[in-house]
Amino acid sequence: MESVTVLWSVSAAAAIVLAVLCGLMWLVERREIAALMLCVLGVATAASAYAELGMMHSATPEEYGAWLRWYHLPVYVALIAQILFVHFYLRTS
C-alpha cells in the first residue's frame, strides 16, 4: 500500500474517532448542539478523505470527474457544520 493511502486512511480514522467522541458527548448533554456539529464535521471529513482517495486512485478522467462531483457533498456538509459550530459555540446570531 502506498504511504499516501495509509496517511489518508489514518486521517479518516482520526476524524471518525472525533465524530464518535463528540457524538457521545452530545448524547450525554443534548443541549450542546456544538458537540453535534463537531460530530457531523468529523463524519464529513472522513467522507471527504474517502472521496480524495478515490480521486487519487482513479484511472480515467471520467472516473476522476465522478469522484470530484461526489467530493462536493461532504465538503459542503463540513462547511455548514463549521459555520453552525461557531454559531452554537459562541452563541452568536
PDB file of N, CA and C in Angstrom:
ATOM      1  N   MET A   1       0.843  -1.176   0.000  1.00  0.00           N
ATOM      2  CA  MET A   1       0.000   0.000   0.000  1.00  0.00           C
ATOM      3  C   MET A   1       0.889   1.240   0.000  1.00  0.00           C
ATOM      4  N   GLU A   2       0.478   2.255  -0.715  1.00  0.00           N
ATOM      5  CA  GLU A   2       1.249   3.488  -0.789  1.00  0.00           C
ATOM      6  C   GLU A   2       1.157   4.263   0.518  1.00  0.00           C
ATOM      7  N   SER A   3       2.177   5.079   0.758  1.00  0.00           N
ATOM      8  CA  SER A   3       2.197   5.837   2.010  1.00  0.00           C
ATOM      9  C   SER A   3       1.090   6.895   2.045  1.00  0.00           C
ATOM     10  N   VAL A   4       0.735   7.456   0.893  1.00  0.00           N
ATOM     11  CA  VAL A   4      -0.334   8.454   0.864  1.00  0.00           C
ATOM     12  C   VAL A   4      -1.665   7.818   1.241  1.00  0.00           C
ATOM     13  N   THR A   5      -1.913   6.611   0.754  1.00  0.00           N
ATOM     14  CA  THR A   5      -3.145   5.910   1.098  1.00  0.00           C
ATOM     15  C   THR A   5      -3.211   5.635   2.595  1.00  0.00           C
ATOM     16  N   VAL A   6      -2.085   5.249   3.171  1.00  0.00           N
ATOM     17  CA  VAL A   6      -2.052   4.988   4.616  1.00  0.00           C
ATOM     18  C   VAL A   6      -2.308   6.272   5.398  1.00  0.00           C
ATOM     19  N   LEU A   7      -1.678   7.366   4.987  1.00  0.00           N
ATOM     20  CA  LEU A   7      -1.869   8.633   5.699  1.00  0.00           C
ATOM     21  C   LEU A   7      -3.306   9.131   5.592  1.00  0.00           C
ATOM     22  N   TRP A   8      -3.913   8.999   4.415  1.00  0.00           N
ATOM     23  CA  TRP A   8      -5.310   9.424   4.251  1.00  0.00           C
ATOM     24  C   TRP A   8      -6.233   8.541   5.093  1.00  0.00           C
ATOM     25  N   SER A   9      -5.946   7.251   5.158  1.00  0.00           N
ATOM     26  CA  SER A   9      -6.776   6.350   5.958  1.00  0.00           C
ATOM     27  C   SER A   9      -6.640   6.659   7.445  1.00  0.00           C
ATOM     28  N   VAL A  10      -5.443   6.988   7.879  1.00  0.00           N
ATOM     29  CA  VAL A  10      -5.234   7.349   9.289  1.00  0.00           C
ATOM     30  C   VAL A  10      -5.962   8.646   9.614  1.00  0.00           C
ATOM     31  N   SER A  11      -5.921   9.622   8.707  1.00  0.00           N
ATOM     32  CA  SER A  11      -6.633  10.875   8.976  1.00  0.00           C
ATOM     33  C   SER A  11      -8.144  10.658   8.985  1.00  0.00           C
ATOM     34  N   ALA A  12      -8.639   9.787   8.126  1.00  0.00           N
ATOM     35  CA  ALA A  12     -10.074   9.484   8.143  1.00  0.00           C
ATOM     36  C   ALA A  12     -10.454   8.767   9.437  1.00  0.00           C
ATOM     37  N   ALA A  13      -9.599   7.866   9.903  1.00  0.00           N
ATOM     38  CA  ALA A  13      -9.873   7.172  11.168  1.00  0.00           C
ATOM     39  C   ALA A  13      -9.869   8.149  12.339  1.00  0.00           C
ATOM     40  N   ALA A  14      -8.959   9.113  12.325  1.00  0.00           N
ATOM     41  CA  ALA A  14      -8.931  10.129  13.388  1.00  0.00           C
ATOM     42  C   ALA A  14     -10.194  10.975  13.355  1.00  0.00           C
ATOM     43  N   ALA A  15     -10.684  11.280  12.165  1.00  0.00           N
ATOM     44  CA  ALA A  15     -11.918  12.056  12.045  1.00  0.00           C
ATOM     45  C   ALA A  15     -13.111  11.260  12.569  1.00  0.00           C
ATOM     46  N   ILE A  16     -13.141   9.962  12.305  1.00  0.00           N
ATOM     47  CA  ILE A  16     -14.236   9.124  12.813  1.00  0.00           C
ATOM     48  C   ILE A  16     -14.176   9.021  14.334  1.00  0.00           C
ATOM     49  N   VAL A  17     -12.972   8.917  14.897  1.00  0.00           N
ATOM     50  CA  VAL A  17     -12.839   8.879  16.353  1.00  0.00           C
ATOM     51  C   VAL A  17     -13.343  10.189  16.954  1.00  0.00           C
ATOM     52  N   LEU A  18     -12.991  11.306  16.335  1.00  0.00           N
ATOM     53  CA  LEU A  18     -13.506  12.598  16.789  1.00  0.00           C
ATOM     54  C   LEU A  18     -15.021  12.638  16.712  1.00  0.00           C
ATOM     55  N   ALA A  19     -15.570  12.127  15.626  1.00  0.00           N
ATOM     56  CA  ALA A  19     -17.020  12.129  15.460  1.00  0.00           C
ATOM     57  C   ALA A  19     -17.703  11.281  16.521  1.00  0.00           C
ATOM     58  N   VAL A  20     -17.148  10.121  16.803  1.00  0.00           N
ATOM     59  CA  VAL A  20     -17.755   9.241  17.816  1.00  0.00           C
ATOM     60  C   VAL A  20     -17.692   9.888  19.198  1.00  0.00           C
ATOM     61  N   LEU A  21     -16.549  10.452  19.543  1.00  0.00           N
ATOM     62  CA  LEU A  21     -16.421  11.078  20.865  1.00  0.00           C
ATOM     63  C   LEU A  21     -17.351  12.288  21.010  1.00  0.00           C
ATOM     64  N   CYS A  22     -17.425  13.096  19.987  1.00  0.00           N
ATOM     65  CA  CYS A  22     -18.328  14.255  20.058  1.00  0.00           C
ATOM     66  C   CYS A  22     -19.785  13.821  20.040  1.00  0.00           C
ATOM     67  N   GLY A  23     -20.089  12.751  19.310  1.00  0.00           N
ATOM     68  CA  GLY A  23     -21.443  12.214  19.330  1.00  0.00           C
ATOM     69  C   GLY A  23     -21.828  11.695  20.704  1.00  0.00           C
ATOM     70  N   LEU A  24     -20.884  11.040  21.383  1.00  0.00           N
ATOM     71  CA  LEU A  24     -21.156  10.571  22.746  1.00  0.00           C
ATOM     72  C   LEU A  24     -21.319  11.740  23.713  1.00  0.00           C
ATOM     73  N   MET A  25     -20.509  12.793  23.523  1.00  0.00           N
ATOM     74  CA  MET A  25     -20.664  13.981  24.365  1.00  0.00           C
ATOM     75  C   MET A  25     -22.037  14.603  24.155  1.00  0.00           C
ATOM     76  N   TRP A  26     -22.491  14.620  22.905  1.00  0.00           N
ATOM     77  CA  TRP A  26     -23.810  15.183  22.621  1.00  0.00           C
ATOM     78  C   TRP A  26     -24.911  14.314  23.210  1.00  0.00           C
ATOM     79  N   LEU A  27     -24.731  12.993  23.202  1.00  0.00           N
ATOM     80  CA  LEU A  27     -25.748  12.118  23.788  1.00  0.00           C
ATOM     81  C   LEU A  27     -25.867  12.325  25.297  1.00  0.00           C
ATOM     82  N   VAL A  28     -24.766  12.657  25.957  1.00  0.00           N
ATOM     83  CA  VAL A  28     -24.800  12.905  27.403  1.00  0.00           C
ATOM     84  C   VAL A  28     -25.491  14.232  27.690  1.00  0.00           C
ATOM     85  N   GLU A  29     -25.131  15.256  26.943  1.00  0.00           N
ATOM     86  CA  GLU A  29     -25.703  16.587  27.156  1.00  0.00           C
ATOM     87  C   GLU A  29     -26.327  17.062  25.845  1.00  0.00           C
ATOM     88  N   ARG A  30     -27.613  16.823  25.696  1.00  0.00           N
ATOM     89  CA  ARG A  30     -28.297  17.079  24.425  1.00  0.00           C
ATOM     90  C   ARG A  30     -28.436  18.563  24.095  1.00  0.00           C
ATOM     91  N   ARG A  31     -28.258  19.420  25.069  1.00  0.00           N
ATOM     92  CA  ARG A  31     -28.381  20.859  24.788  1.00  0.00           C
ATOM     93  C   ARG A  31     -27.139  21.421  24.109  1.00  0.00           C
ATOM     94  N   GLU A  32     -26.039  20.666  24.111  1.00  0.00           N
ATOM     95  CA  GLU A  32     -24.797  21.110  23.477  1.00  0.00           C
ATOM     96  C   GLU A  32     -24.812  20.758  21.994  1.00  0.00           C
ATOM     97  N   ILE A  33     -25.422  21.606  21.219  1.00  0.00           N
ATOM     98  CA  ILE A  33     -25.520  21.383  19.781  1.00  0.00           C
ATOM     99  C   ILE A  33     -24.143  21.518  19.124  1.00  0.00           C
ATOM    100  N   ALA A  34     -23.230  22.262  19.757  1.00  0.00           N
ATOM    101  CA  ALA A  34     -21.883  22.419  19.204  1.00  0.00           C
ATOM    102  C   ALA A  34     -21.172  21.066  19.112  1.00  0.00           C
ATOM    103  N   ALA A  35     -21.390  20.195  20.081  1.00  0.00           N
ATOM    104  CA  ALA A  35     -20.789  18.862  20.028  1.00  0.00           C
ATOM    105  C   ALA A  35     -21.362  18.045  18.878  1.00  0.00           C
ATOM    106  N   LEU A  36     -22.655  18.211  18.619  1.00  0.00           N
ATOM    107  CA  LEU A  36     -23.270  17.523  17.482  1.00  0.00           C
ATOM    108  C   LEU A  36     -22.684  18.027  16.167  1.00  0.00           C
ATOM    109  N   MET A  37     -22.428  19.325  16.084  1.00  0.00           N
ATOM    110  CA  MET A  37     -21.839  19.875  14.861  1.00  0.00           C
ATOM    111  C   MET A  37     -20.418  19.358  14.658  1.00  0.00           C
ATOM    112  N   LEU A  38     -19.665  19.162  15.734  1.00  0.00           N
ATOM    113  CA  LEU A  38     -18.339  18.565  15.604  1.00  0.00           C
ATOM    114  C   LEU A  38     -18.432  17.111  15.164  1.00  0.00           C
ATOM    115  N   CYS A  39     -19.462  16.413  15.603  1.00  0.00           N
ATOM    116  CA  CYS A  39     -19.691  15.045  15.161  1.00  0.00           C
ATOM    117  C   CYS A  39     -19.958  15.005  13.660  1.00  0.00           C
ATOM    118  N   VAL A  40     -20.814  15.887  13.194  1.00  0.00           N
ATOM    119  CA  VAL A  40     -21.122  15.967  11.761  1.00  0.00           C
ATOM    120  C   VAL A  40     -19.867  16.347  10.979  1.00  0.00           C
ATOM    121  N   LEU A  41     -19.071  17.253  11.526  1.00  0.00           N
ATOM    122  CA  LEU A  41     -17.836  17.660  10.868  1.00  0.00           C
ATOM    123  C   LEU A  41     -16.862  16.492  10.747  1.00  0.00           C
ATOM    124  N   GLY A  42     -16.767  15.663  11.776  1.00  0.00           N
ATOM    125  CA  GLY A  42     -15.884  14.501  11.711  1.00  0.00           C
ATOM    126  C   GLY A  42     -16.314  13.503  10.658  1.00  0.00           C
ATOM    127  N   VAL A  43     -17.606  13.256  10.567  1.00  0.00           N
ATOM    128  CA  VAL A  43     -18.116  12.323   9.551  1.00  0.00           C
ATOM    129  C   VAL A  43     -17.891  12.890   8.152  1.00  0.00           C
ATOM    130  N   ALA A  44     -18.129  14.183   7.980  1.00  0.00           N
ATOM    131  CA  ALA A  44     -17.925  14.811   6.668  1.00  0.00           C
ATOM    132  C   ALA A  44     -16.449  14.801   6.274  1.00  0.00           C
ATOM    133  N   THR A  45     -15.570  14.982   7.235  1.00  0.00           N
ATOM    134  CA  THR A  45     -14.142  14.951   6.947  1.00  0.00           C
ATOM    135  C   THR A  45     -13.710  13.547   6.529  1.00  0.00           C
ATOM    136  N   ALA A  46     -14.225  12.533   7.189  1.00  0.00           N
ATOM    137  CA  ALA A  46     -13.894  11.162   6.804  1.00  0.00           C
ATOM    138  C   ALA A  46     -14.433  10.840   5.413  1.00  0.00           C
ATOM    139  N   ALA A  47     -15.619  11.315   5.102  1.00  0.00           N
ATOM    140  CA  ALA A  47     -16.172  11.101   3.765  1.00  0.00           C
ATOM    141  C   ALA A  47     -15.356  11.844   2.711  1.00  0.00           C
ATOM    142  N   SER A  48     -14.866  13.015   3.050  1.00  0.00           N
ATOM    143  CA  SER A  48     -14.008  13.759   2.128  1.00  0.00           C
ATOM    144  C   SER A  48     -12.711  13.007   1.869  1.00  0.00           C
ATOM    145  N   ALA A  49     -12.150  12.428   2.911  1.00  0.00           N
ATOM    146  CA  ALA A  49     -10.916  11.655   2.739  1.00  0.00           C
ATOM    147  C   ALA A  49     -11.154  10.447   1.838  1.00  0.00           C
ATOM    148  N   TYR A  50     -12.303   9.799   1.979  1.00  0.00           N
ATOM    149  CA  TYR A  50     -12.641   8.664   1.115  1.00  0.00           C
ATOM    150  C   TYR A  50     -12.752   9.104  -0.343  1.00  0.00           C
ATOM    151  N   ALA A  51     -13.400  10.244  -0.579  1.00  0.00           N
ATOM    152  CA  ALA A  51     -13.536  10.748  -1.946  1.00  0.00           C
ATOM    153  C   ALA A  51     -12.177  11.170  -2.509  1.00  0.00           C
ATOM    154  N   GLU A  52     -11.330  11.745  -1.673  1.00  0.00           N
ATOM    155  CA  GLU A  52      -9.998  12.122  -2.135  1.00  0.00           C
ATOM    156  C   GLU A  52      -9.181  10.890  -2.507  1.00  0.00           C
ATOM    157  N   LEU A  53      -9.310   9.827  -1.739  1.00  0.00           N
ATOM    158  CA  LEU A  53      -8.630   8.579  -2.102  1.00  0.00           C
ATOM    159  C   LEU A  53      -9.139   8.052  -3.434  1.00  0.00           C
ATOM    160  N   GLY A  54     -10.427   8.134  -3.642  1.00  0.00           N
ATOM    161  CA  GLY A  54     -10.988   7.711  -4.919  1.00  0.00           C
ATOM    162  C   GLY A  54     -10.453   8.539  -6.069  1.00  0.00           C
ATOM    163  N   MET A  55     -10.309   9.851  -5.843  1.00  0.00           N
ATOM    164  CA  MET A  55      -9.756  10.700  -6.890  1.00  0.00           C
ATOM    165  C   MET A  55      -8.294  10.373  -7.161  1.00  0.00           C
ATOM    166  N   MET A  56      -7.540  10.078  -6.104  1.00  0.00           N
ATOM    167  CA  MET A  56      -6.127   9.747  -6.288  1.00  0.00           C
ATOM    168  C   MET A  56      -5.926   8.446  -7.059  1.00  0.00           C
ATOM    169  N   HIS A  57      -6.827   7.504  -6.873  1.00  0.00           N
ATOM    170  CA  HIS A  57      -6.680   6.188  -7.497  1.00  0.00           C
ATOM    171  C   HIS A  57      -7.498   6.035  -8.776  1.00  0.00           C
ATOM    172  N   SER A  58      -8.116   7.108  -9.242  1.00  0.00           N
ATOM    173  CA  SER A  58      -8.915   6.997 -10.463  1.00  0.00           C
ATOM    174  C   SER A  58      -7.990   6.821 -11.670  1.00  0.00           C
ATOM    175  N   ALA A  59      -8.462   6.044 -12.620  1.00  0.00           N
ATOM    176  CA  ALA A  59      -7.642   5.713 -13.788  1.00  0.00           C
ATOM    177  C   ALA A  59      -7.981   6.563 -15.006  1.00  0.00           C
ATOM    178  N   THR A  60      -9.201   7.067 -15.082  1.00  0.00           N
ATOM    179  CA  THR A  60      -9.618   7.839 -16.249  1.00  0.00           C
ATOM    180  C   THR A  60     -10.125   9.208 -15.807  1.00  0.00           C
ATOM    181  N   PRO A  61     -10.139  10.168 -16.714  1.00  0.00           N
ATOM    182  CA  PRO A  61     -10.698  11.485 -16.365  1.00  0.00           C
ATOM    183  C   PRO A  61     -12.180  11.423 -16.004  1.00  0.00           C
ATOM    184  N   GLU A  62     -12.919  10.509 -16.618  1.00  0.00           N
ATOM    185  CA  GLU A  62     -14.348  10.376 -16.298  1.00  0.00           C
ATOM    186  C   GLU A  62     -14.533   9.891 -14.862  1.00  0.00           C
ATOM    187  N   GLU A  63     -13.712   8.941 -14.465  1.00  0.00           N
ATOM    188  CA  GLU A  63     -13.789   8.438 -13.092  1.00  0.00           C
ATOM    189  C   GLU A  63     -13.394   9.528 -12.105  1.00  0.00           C
ATOM    190  N   TYR A  64     -12.367  10.301 -12.448  1.00  0.00           N
ATOM    191  CA  TYR A  64     -11.949  11.411 -11.598  1.00  0.00           C
ATOM    192  C   TYR A  64     -13.075  12.442 -11.463  1.00  0.00           C
ATOM    193  N   GLY A  65     -13.734  12.722 -12.590  1.00  0.00           N
ATOM    194  CA  GLY A  65     -14.838  13.683 -12.563  1.00  0.00           C
ATOM    195  C   GLY A  65     -15.996  13.209 -11.701  1.00  0.00           C
ATOM    196  N   ALA A  66     -16.280  11.911 -11.751  1.00  0.00           N
ATOM    197  CA  ALA A  66     -17.355  11.362 -10.918  1.00  0.00           C
ATOM    198  C   ALA A  66     -16.996  11.482  -9.437  1.00  0.00           C
ATOM    199  N   TRP A  67     -15.749  11.169  -9.089  1.00  0.00           N
ATOM    200  CA  TRP A  67     -15.327  11.318  -7.699  1.00  0.00           C
ATOM    201  C   TRP A  67     -15.354  12.783  -7.270  1.00  0.00           C
ATOM    202  N   LEU A  68     -14.963  13.670  -8.180  1.00  0.00           N
ATOM    203  CA  LEU A  68     -14.956  15.089  -7.855  1.00  0.00           C
ATOM    204  C   LEU A  68     -16.365  15.620  -7.616  1.00  0.00           C
ATOM    205  N   ARG A  69     -17.326  15.140  -8.399  1.00  0.00           N
ATOM    206  CA  ARG A  69     -18.720  15.540  -8.178  1.00  0.00           C
ATOM    207  C   ARG A  69     -19.187  15.104  -6.795  1.00  0.00           C
ATOM    208  N   TRP A  70     -18.873  13.882  -6.402  1.00  0.00           N
ATOM    209  CA  TRP A  70     -19.298  13.402  -5.087  1.00  0.00           C
ATOM    210  C   TRP A  70     -18.504  14.043  -3.955  1.00  0.00           C
ATOM    211  N   TYR A  71     -17.314  14.558  -4.257  1.00  0.00           N
ATOM    212  CA  TYR A  71     -16.483  15.210  -3.251  1.00  0.00           C
ATOM    213  C   TYR A  71     -17.129  16.501  -2.745  1.00  0.00           C
ATOM    214  N   HIS A  72     -17.912  17.147  -3.594  1.00  0.00           N
ATOM    215  CA  HIS A  72     -18.521  18.411  -3.201  1.00  0.00           C
ATOM    216  C   HIS A  72     -19.527  18.258  -2.054  1.00  0.00           C
ATOM    217  N   LEU A  73     -20.201  17.139  -1.973  1.00  0.00           N
ATOM    218  CA  LEU A  73     -21.207  16.942  -0.925  1.00  0.00           C
ATOM    219  C   LEU A  73     -20.601  16.946   0.483  1.00  0.00           C
ATOM    220  N   PRO A  74     -19.577  16.129   0.802  1.00  0.00           N
ATOM    221  CA  PRO A  74     -19.034  16.203   2.166  1.00  0.00           C
ATOM    222  C   PRO A  74     -18.331  17.522   2.464  1.00  0.00           C
ATOM    223  N   VAL A  75     -17.766  18.163   1.446  1.00  0.00           N
ATOM    224  CA  VAL A  75     -17.143  19.464   1.682  1.00  0.00           C
ATOM    225  C   VAL A  75     -18.205  20.499   2.058  1.00  0.00           C
ATOM    226  N   TYR A  76     -19.348  20.455   1.390  1.00  0.00           N
ATOM    227  CA  TYR A  76     -20.455  21.361   1.720  1.00  0.00           C
ATOM    228  C   TYR A  76     -20.971  21.093   3.139  1.00  0.00           C
ATOM    229  N   VAL A  77     -21.135  19.832   3.475  1.00  0.00           N
ATOM    230  CA  VAL A  77     -21.614  19.486   4.824  1.00  0.00           C
ATOM    231  C   VAL A  77     -20.604  19.937   5.875  1.00  0.00           C
ATOM    232  N   ALA A  78     -19.313  19.779   5.592  1.00  0.00           N
ATOM    233  CA  ALA A  78     -18.279  20.216   6.534  1.00  0.00           C
ATOM    234  C   ALA A  78     -18.301  21.728   6.715  1.00  0.00           C
ATOM    235  N   LEU A  79     -18.499  22.462   5.629  1.00  0.00           N
ATOM    236  CA  LEU A  79     -18.561  23.918   5.722  1.00  0.00           C
ATOM    237  C   LEU A  79     -19.757  24.365   6.554  1.00  0.00           C
ATOM    238  N   ILE A  80     -20.906  23.782   6.314  1.00  0.00           N
ATOM    239  CA  ILE A  80     -22.102  24.131   7.084  1.00  0.00           C
ATOM    240  C   ILE A  80     -21.923  23.749   8.555  1.00  0.00           C
ATOM    241  N   ALA A  81     -21.309  22.591   8.817  1.00  0.00           N
ATOM    242  CA  ALA A  81     -21.076  22.175  10.205  1.00  0.00           C
ATOM    243  C   ALA A  81     -20.129  23.128  10.918  1.00  0.00           C
ATOM    244  N   GLN A  82     -19.107  23.631  10.220  1.00  0.00           N
ATOM    245  CA  GLN A  82     -18.197  24.594  10.837  1.00  0.00           C
ATOM    246  C   GLN A  82     -18.916  25.899  11.155  1.00  0.00           C
ATOM    247  N   ILE A  83     -19.731  26.360  10.232  1.00  0.00           N
ATOM    248  CA  ILE A  83     -20.475  27.600  10.460  1.00  0.00           C
ATOM    249  C   ILE A  83     -21.438  27.442  11.633  1.00  0.00           C
ATOM    250  N   LEU A  84     -22.148  26.319  11.669  1.00  0.00           N
ATOM    251  CA  LEU A  84     -23.090  26.095  12.773  1.00  0.00           C
ATOM    252  C   LEU A  84     -22.374  25.858  14.099  1.00  0.00           C
ATOM    253  N   PHE A  85     -21.194  25.250  14.067  1.00  0.00           N
ATOM    254  CA  PHE A  85     -20.419  25.085  15.293  1.00  0.00           C
ATOM    255  C   PHE A  85     -20.065  26.444  15.882  1.00  0.00           C
ATOM    256  N   VAL A  86     -19.576  27.352  15.053  1.00  0.00           N
ATOM    257  CA  VAL A  86     -19.235  28.695  15.537  1.00  0.00           C
ATOM    258  C   VAL A  86     -20.484  29.395  16.061  1.00  0.00           C
ATOM    259  N   HIS A  87     -21.592  29.221  15.372  1.00  0.00           N
ATOM    260  CA  HIS A  87     -22.847  29.855  15.792  1.00  0.00           C
ATOM    261  C   HIS A  87     -23.288  29.348  17.165  1.00  0.00           C
ATOM    262  N   PHE A  88     -23.281  28.027  17.358  1.00  0.00           N
ATOM    263  CA  PHE A  88     -23.775  27.481  18.621  1.00  0.00           C
ATOM    264  C   PHE A  88     -22.746  27.576  19.745  1.00  0.00           C
ATOM    265  N   TYR A  89     -21.456  27.492  19.424  1.00  0.00           N
ATOM    266  CA  TYR A  89     -20.433  27.546  20.467  1.00  0.00           C
ATOM    267  C   TYR A  89     -20.266  28.957  21.010  1.00  0.00           C
ATOM    268  N   LEU A  90     -20.261  29.939  20.120  1.00  0.00           N
ATOM    269  CA  LEU A  90     -20.077  31.313  20.551  1.00  0.00           C
ATOM    270  C   LEU A  90     -21.392  32.010  20.883  1.00  0.00           C
ATOM    271  N   ARG A  91     -22.514  31.338  20.638  1.00  0.00           N
ATOM    272  CA  ARG A  91     -23.847  31.874  20.886  1.00  0.00           C
ATOM    273  C   ARG A  91     -24.047  33.175  20.123  1.00  0.00           C
ATOM    274  N   THR A  92     -23.675  33.168  18.837  1.00  0.00           N
ATOM    275  CA  THR A  92     -23.844  34.348  18.012  1.00  0.00           C
ATOM    276  C   THR A  92     -25.147  34.278  17.252  1.00  0.00           C
ATOM    277  N   SER A  93     -25.575  35.416  16.741  1.00  0.00           N
ATOM    278  CA  SER A  93     -26.829  35.432  15.978  1.00  0.00           C
ATOM    279  C   SER A  93     -26.580  35.851  14.552  1.00  0.00           C
TER     280      SER A  93
END
